[in-house]
Protein backbone atom coordinates (compact mmCIF):
# COMPACT_ATOMS: atom_id res chain seq x y z
CA MET A 1 -40.15 -2.05 84.14
CA THR A 2 -39.89 1.72 83.55
CA TYR A 3 -37.60 3.98 81.59
CA LEU A 4 -36.15 7.20 83.03
CA ASP A 5 -34.45 10.00 81.13
CA VAL A 6 -30.77 10.53 82.16
CA HIS A 7 -29.27 14.03 82.05
CA HIS A 8 -25.67 14.50 83.12
CA CYS A 9 -24.16 17.67 84.48
CA LEU A 10 -20.49 18.73 85.29
CA LEU A 11 -20.63 19.70 88.85
CA SER A 12 -17.76 21.29 91.00
CA SER A 13 -17.11 23.99 93.58
CA ALA A 14 -14.64 25.54 91.21
CA ALA A 15 -15.55 28.83 89.62
CA SER A 16 -15.09 27.66 86.10
CA LEU A 17 -13.99 24.55 84.06
CA SER A 18 -10.54 26.03 83.52
CA SER A 19 -9.77 25.44 87.20
CA VAL A 20 -10.74 21.80 86.99
CA VAL A 21 -7.76 19.31 86.87
CA ARG A 22 -9.59 16.01 87.26
CA ILE A 23 -13.07 14.57 86.81
CA TYR A 24 -14.77 11.84 88.90
CA SER A 25 -17.69 9.75 87.66
CA HIS A 26 -18.88 6.17 86.88
CA PRO A 27 -17.37 4.60 83.74
CA GLN A 28 -20.80 4.50 82.16
CA ALA A 29 -21.37 8.14 82.64
CA PHE A 30 -17.99 8.87 80.94
CA GLY A 31 -18.94 6.78 78.07
CA GLN A 32 -22.28 8.69 77.79
CA CYS A 33 -20.57 11.99 77.76
CA GLU A 34 -17.60 11.28 75.40
CA ASN A 35 -18.23 13.92 72.85
CA TRP A 36 -18.58 16.82 75.31
CA LEU A 37 -15.49 15.67 77.30
CA GLY A 38 -13.44 15.48 74.01
CA ALA A 39 -14.45 18.89 73.06
CA ASN A 40 -14.29 20.71 76.41
CA ALA A 41 -12.13 18.66 78.82
CA ARG A 42 -9.46 17.23 76.59
CA GLY A 43 -6.46 16.20 78.78
CA VAL A 44 -8.26 16.50 82.04
CA GLU A 45 -7.61 13.37 84.27
CA ARG A 46 -10.69 11.04 84.52
CA ILE A 47 -11.07 9.06 87.58
CA ASP A 48 -13.61 6.10 87.80
CA VAL A 49 -15.67 5.70 90.92
CA SER A 50 -18.45 3.24 91.93
CA SER A 51 -21.43 5.69 91.10
CA THR A 52 -22.12 9.26 89.91
CA SER A 53 -23.36 10.11 93.39
CA LYS A 54 -20.18 8.99 94.94
CA ALA A 55 -18.35 11.26 92.51
CA ALA A 56 -20.27 14.17 93.58
CA GLN A 57 -19.65 13.27 97.26
CA ILE A 58 -15.94 13.29 96.57
CA VAL A 59 -15.90 16.58 94.60
CA ALA A 60 -17.73 18.29 97.43
CA GLY A 61 -14.32 18.37 99.34
CA ASP A 62 -12.06 18.89 96.43
CA ALA A 63 -11.94 22.40 94.88
CA GLY A 64 -9.73 21.32 91.83
CA ALA A 65 -12.09 18.47 90.82
CA ALA A 66 -15.39 18.09 89.14
CA ALA A 67 -17.95 15.25 88.81
CA ILE A 68 -20.34 14.16 86.17
CA ALA A 69 -23.54 13.45 87.91
CA SER A 70 -27.19 14.68 88.14
CA LYS A 71 -28.68 18.14 88.96
CA VAL A 72 -29.99 16.46 92.18
CA ALA A 73 -26.45 15.56 93.20
CA ALA A 74 -25.60 19.22 92.85
CA ASP A 75 -28.40 20.28 95.19
CA VAL A 76 -27.36 17.55 97.78
CA HIS A 77 -23.67 18.35 97.94
CA GLY A 78 -23.98 22.15 97.48
CA LEU A 79 -22.07 22.09 94.10
CA LYS A 80 -22.27 24.41 91.12
CA VAL A 81 -23.44 23.10 87.59
CA LEU A 82 -20.64 24.21 85.34
CA ALA A 83 -22.37 22.60 82.34
CA ALA A 84 -25.76 20.92 81.99
CA ASN A 85 -27.06 18.11 79.80
CA ILE A 86 -23.63 17.09 78.51
CA GLU A 87 -24.68 13.62 77.52
CA ASP A 88 -24.06 12.69 73.87
CA SER A 89 -27.48 11.52 73.11
CA ALA A 90 -30.49 13.79 73.91
CA ASP A 91 -32.80 10.68 74.41
CA ASN A 92 -30.29 9.10 76.92
CA THR A 93 -32.28 6.73 79.03
CA THR A 94 -31.83 3.96 81.55
CA ARG A 95 -34.30 1.30 82.38
CA PHE A 96 -35.12 0.22 85.82
CA PHE A 97 -36.80 -3.13 86.79
CA VAL A 98 -39.40 -2.62 89.41
CA LEU A 99 -39.59 -5.58 91.86
CA ALA A 100 -42.68 -6.48 93.87
CA ALA A 101 -43.22 -9.41 96.56
CA GLN A 102 -46.96 -9.54 95.63
CA PRO A 103 -47.59 -11.61 92.35
CA GLU A 104 -50.82 -9.84 91.87
CA LEU A 105 -48.94 -6.58 91.07
CA ARG A 106 -47.59 -8.21 87.88
CA ALA A 107 -48.47 -6.47 84.63
CA PRO A 108 -51.53 -7.78 82.71
CA VAL A 109 -51.21 -8.86 79.01
CA SER A 110 -51.52 -5.69 76.85
CA LYS A 111 -54.84 -5.40 74.77
CA GLY A 112 -54.70 -1.86 73.53
CA PRO A 113 -53.95 -1.06 69.84
CA GLY A 114 -50.30 -1.10 69.07
CA GLU A 115 -49.40 -2.32 72.61
CA THR A 116 -46.96 -5.20 73.00
CA ASP A 117 -45.16 -7.02 75.90
CA LYS A 118 -41.88 -8.26 76.79
CA THR A 119 -40.80 -11.09 79.22
CA LEU A 120 -37.54 -11.49 81.00
CA LEU A 121 -36.28 -14.87 82.26
CA SER A 122 -33.14 -16.54 83.45
CA PHE A 123 -32.01 -20.04 82.79
CA THR A 124 -29.05 -22.40 83.30
CA VAL A 125 -28.05 -25.39 80.97
CA ASP A 126 -25.77 -28.45 81.26
CA HIS A 127 -22.57 -27.15 79.93
CA LYS A 128 -21.23 -30.69 79.64
CA ILE A 129 -23.83 -31.40 76.80
CA PRO A 130 -22.72 -30.01 73.36
CA GLY A 131 -25.11 -27.62 71.89
CA ALA A 132 -27.13 -27.20 75.15
CA LEU A 133 -27.29 -23.43 74.86
CA CYS A 134 -27.95 -23.70 71.10
CA ASP A 135 -30.97 -26.02 71.84
CA SER A 136 -32.29 -23.64 74.32
CA LEU A 137 -32.27 -20.62 72.10
CA LYS A 138 -33.75 -22.58 69.12
CA VAL A 139 -36.99 -22.96 71.21
CA PHE A 140 -37.71 -19.07 70.84
CA LYS A 141 -37.17 -19.46 67.03
CA ASP A 142 -39.49 -22.56 66.76
CA PHE A 143 -42.18 -20.73 68.63
CA GLY A 144 -41.73 -17.45 66.82
CA LEU A 145 -40.54 -15.42 69.90
CA ASN A 146 -38.25 -12.64 68.91
CA LEU A 147 -35.34 -12.22 71.24
CA THR A 148 -34.54 -8.45 72.26
CA SER A 149 -31.74 -9.08 74.73
CA ILE A 150 -29.27 -11.92 75.83
CA SER A 151 -26.70 -11.79 78.46
CA SER A 152 -24.85 -14.05 80.79
CA ARG A 153 -23.22 -13.94 84.21
CA PRO A 154 -21.24 -16.46 86.18
CA SER A 155 -23.47 -18.55 88.45
CA ARG A 156 -20.72 -18.68 91.20
CA LEU A 157 -22.02 -22.12 91.78
CA LEU A 158 -19.53 -24.07 89.49
CA PRO A 159 -16.54 -23.02 87.70
CA TRP A 160 -17.28 -21.91 84.16
CA ASP A 161 -21.02 -22.20 84.86
CA TYR A 162 -23.32 -19.43 83.57
CA ILE A 163 -26.63 -17.97 84.08
CA PHE A 164 -28.25 -16.57 80.91
CA PHE A 165 -30.75 -13.78 80.89
CA VAL A 166 -33.05 -13.55 78.06
CA GLU A 167 -35.76 -10.94 77.19
CA PHE A 168 -38.11 -11.57 74.37
CA GLU A 169 -41.39 -10.20 72.86
CA GLY A 170 -44.50 -11.86 74.47
CA HIS A 171 -46.16 -12.14 77.82
CA SER A 172 -45.81 -15.15 80.01
CA ASP A 173 -49.63 -15.41 80.71
CA THR A 174 -50.36 -16.14 76.97
CA GLN A 175 -50.71 -19.73 75.65
CA ASP A 176 -48.07 -19.44 73.04
CA VAL A 177 -45.43 -18.26 75.50
CA GLN A 178 -46.48 -20.94 78.08
CA SER A 179 -46.08 -23.68 75.42
CA ALA A 180 -42.61 -22.29 74.50
CA LEU A 181 -41.58 -22.26 78.22
CA ASP A 182 -42.75 -25.96 78.60
CA GLU A 183 -40.48 -26.87 75.78
CA LEU A 184 -37.55 -24.62 77.08
CA ARG A 185 -37.77 -26.45 80.47
CA LYS A 186 -36.82 -29.60 78.73
CA CYS A 187 -33.40 -28.02 77.64
CA CYS A 188 -32.49 -26.43 80.89
CA LEU A 189 -31.35 -27.34 84.36
CA SER A 190 -33.30 -24.38 85.93
CA LEU A 191 -35.53 -21.69 84.59
CA ARG A 192 -37.17 -18.65 86.35
CA ILE A 193 -39.59 -16.20 84.87
CA LEU A 194 -38.58 -12.72 86.24
CA GLY A 195 -41.41 -10.79 84.95
CA SER A 196 -43.53 -9.53 82.01
CA TYR A 197 -44.17 -6.05 81.20
CA LYS A 198 -45.48 -3.61 78.58
CA ASP A 199 -42.86 -2.69 75.93
CA GLN A 200 -42.33 0.94 76.72
CA GLN A 201 -39.24 1.01 74.60
CA ARG A 202 -41.35 0.77 71.36
CA GLY A 203 -43.50 3.83 72.37
CA ARG A 204 -40.36 5.88 73.08
CA GLU A 205 -38.77 4.87 69.81
CA GLU A 206 -41.96 5.94 67.97
CA GLY A 207 -42.06 9.25 69.84
CA SER A 208 -38.44 9.94 69.06
CA ARG A 209 -38.96 9.24 65.31
CA ASP A 210 -41.99 11.51 65.33
CA ARG A 211 -39.76 14.36 66.84
CA GLU A 212 -37.10 13.67 64.27
CA SER A 213 -39.73 13.81 61.47
CA LYS A 214 -40.99 17.15 62.84
CA VAL A 215 -37.47 18.61 63.10
CA ALA A 216 -36.72 17.52 59.56
CA GLU A 217 -40.04 18.98 58.27
CA ASN A 218 -39.38 22.34 60.12
CA GLY A 219 -36.04 22.43 58.54
CA LYS A 220 -37.31 22.09 54.99
CA THR A 221 -39.80 24.84 55.50
CA SER A 222 -37.71 27.22 57.24
């Protein structure tokens, strides 16, 4: 897994923002730029599309439109950058899961000072059994594994049947996590370990706090 900084730009072939009557982008990008849009493009029509790159492609042939997309999209489609870095949060990031067919490429257990790991897995439970999901999640508590994310998606195998995706602190190669997974399997119809990886988010959060601390310190001394 890796984290990448995401910076949004307003792209168009128009000479200025005043000529733009509609903006295309992915709903997630609109949400990440809400403050800028409210201050600079209030009342301009917003049109949702499947991706920011698709938005740039559409705008390339529409002189009255703009797209929220990356600087790379502007270069690819020959568009002007009317405004750069319009995201609400300066540390706006998206995480990506890197998939590999070779098991030997999986991340080893972290051993350095301050390093920690996370594991992502998916599982299903028998929804006809009362408390089946509760029993599954209780395993993490019983083994002292802190959950950092949980979500569900329809399995598309049976009506009202769901696959649960859980991320927790720990590496699947350690004995405590293996013991927890053995217990978890007793509560699940199926279980799949999707991967273990170094917790990069903690390092990013610590770096962000350090930057905020320096900014605050500089503000006091200026």
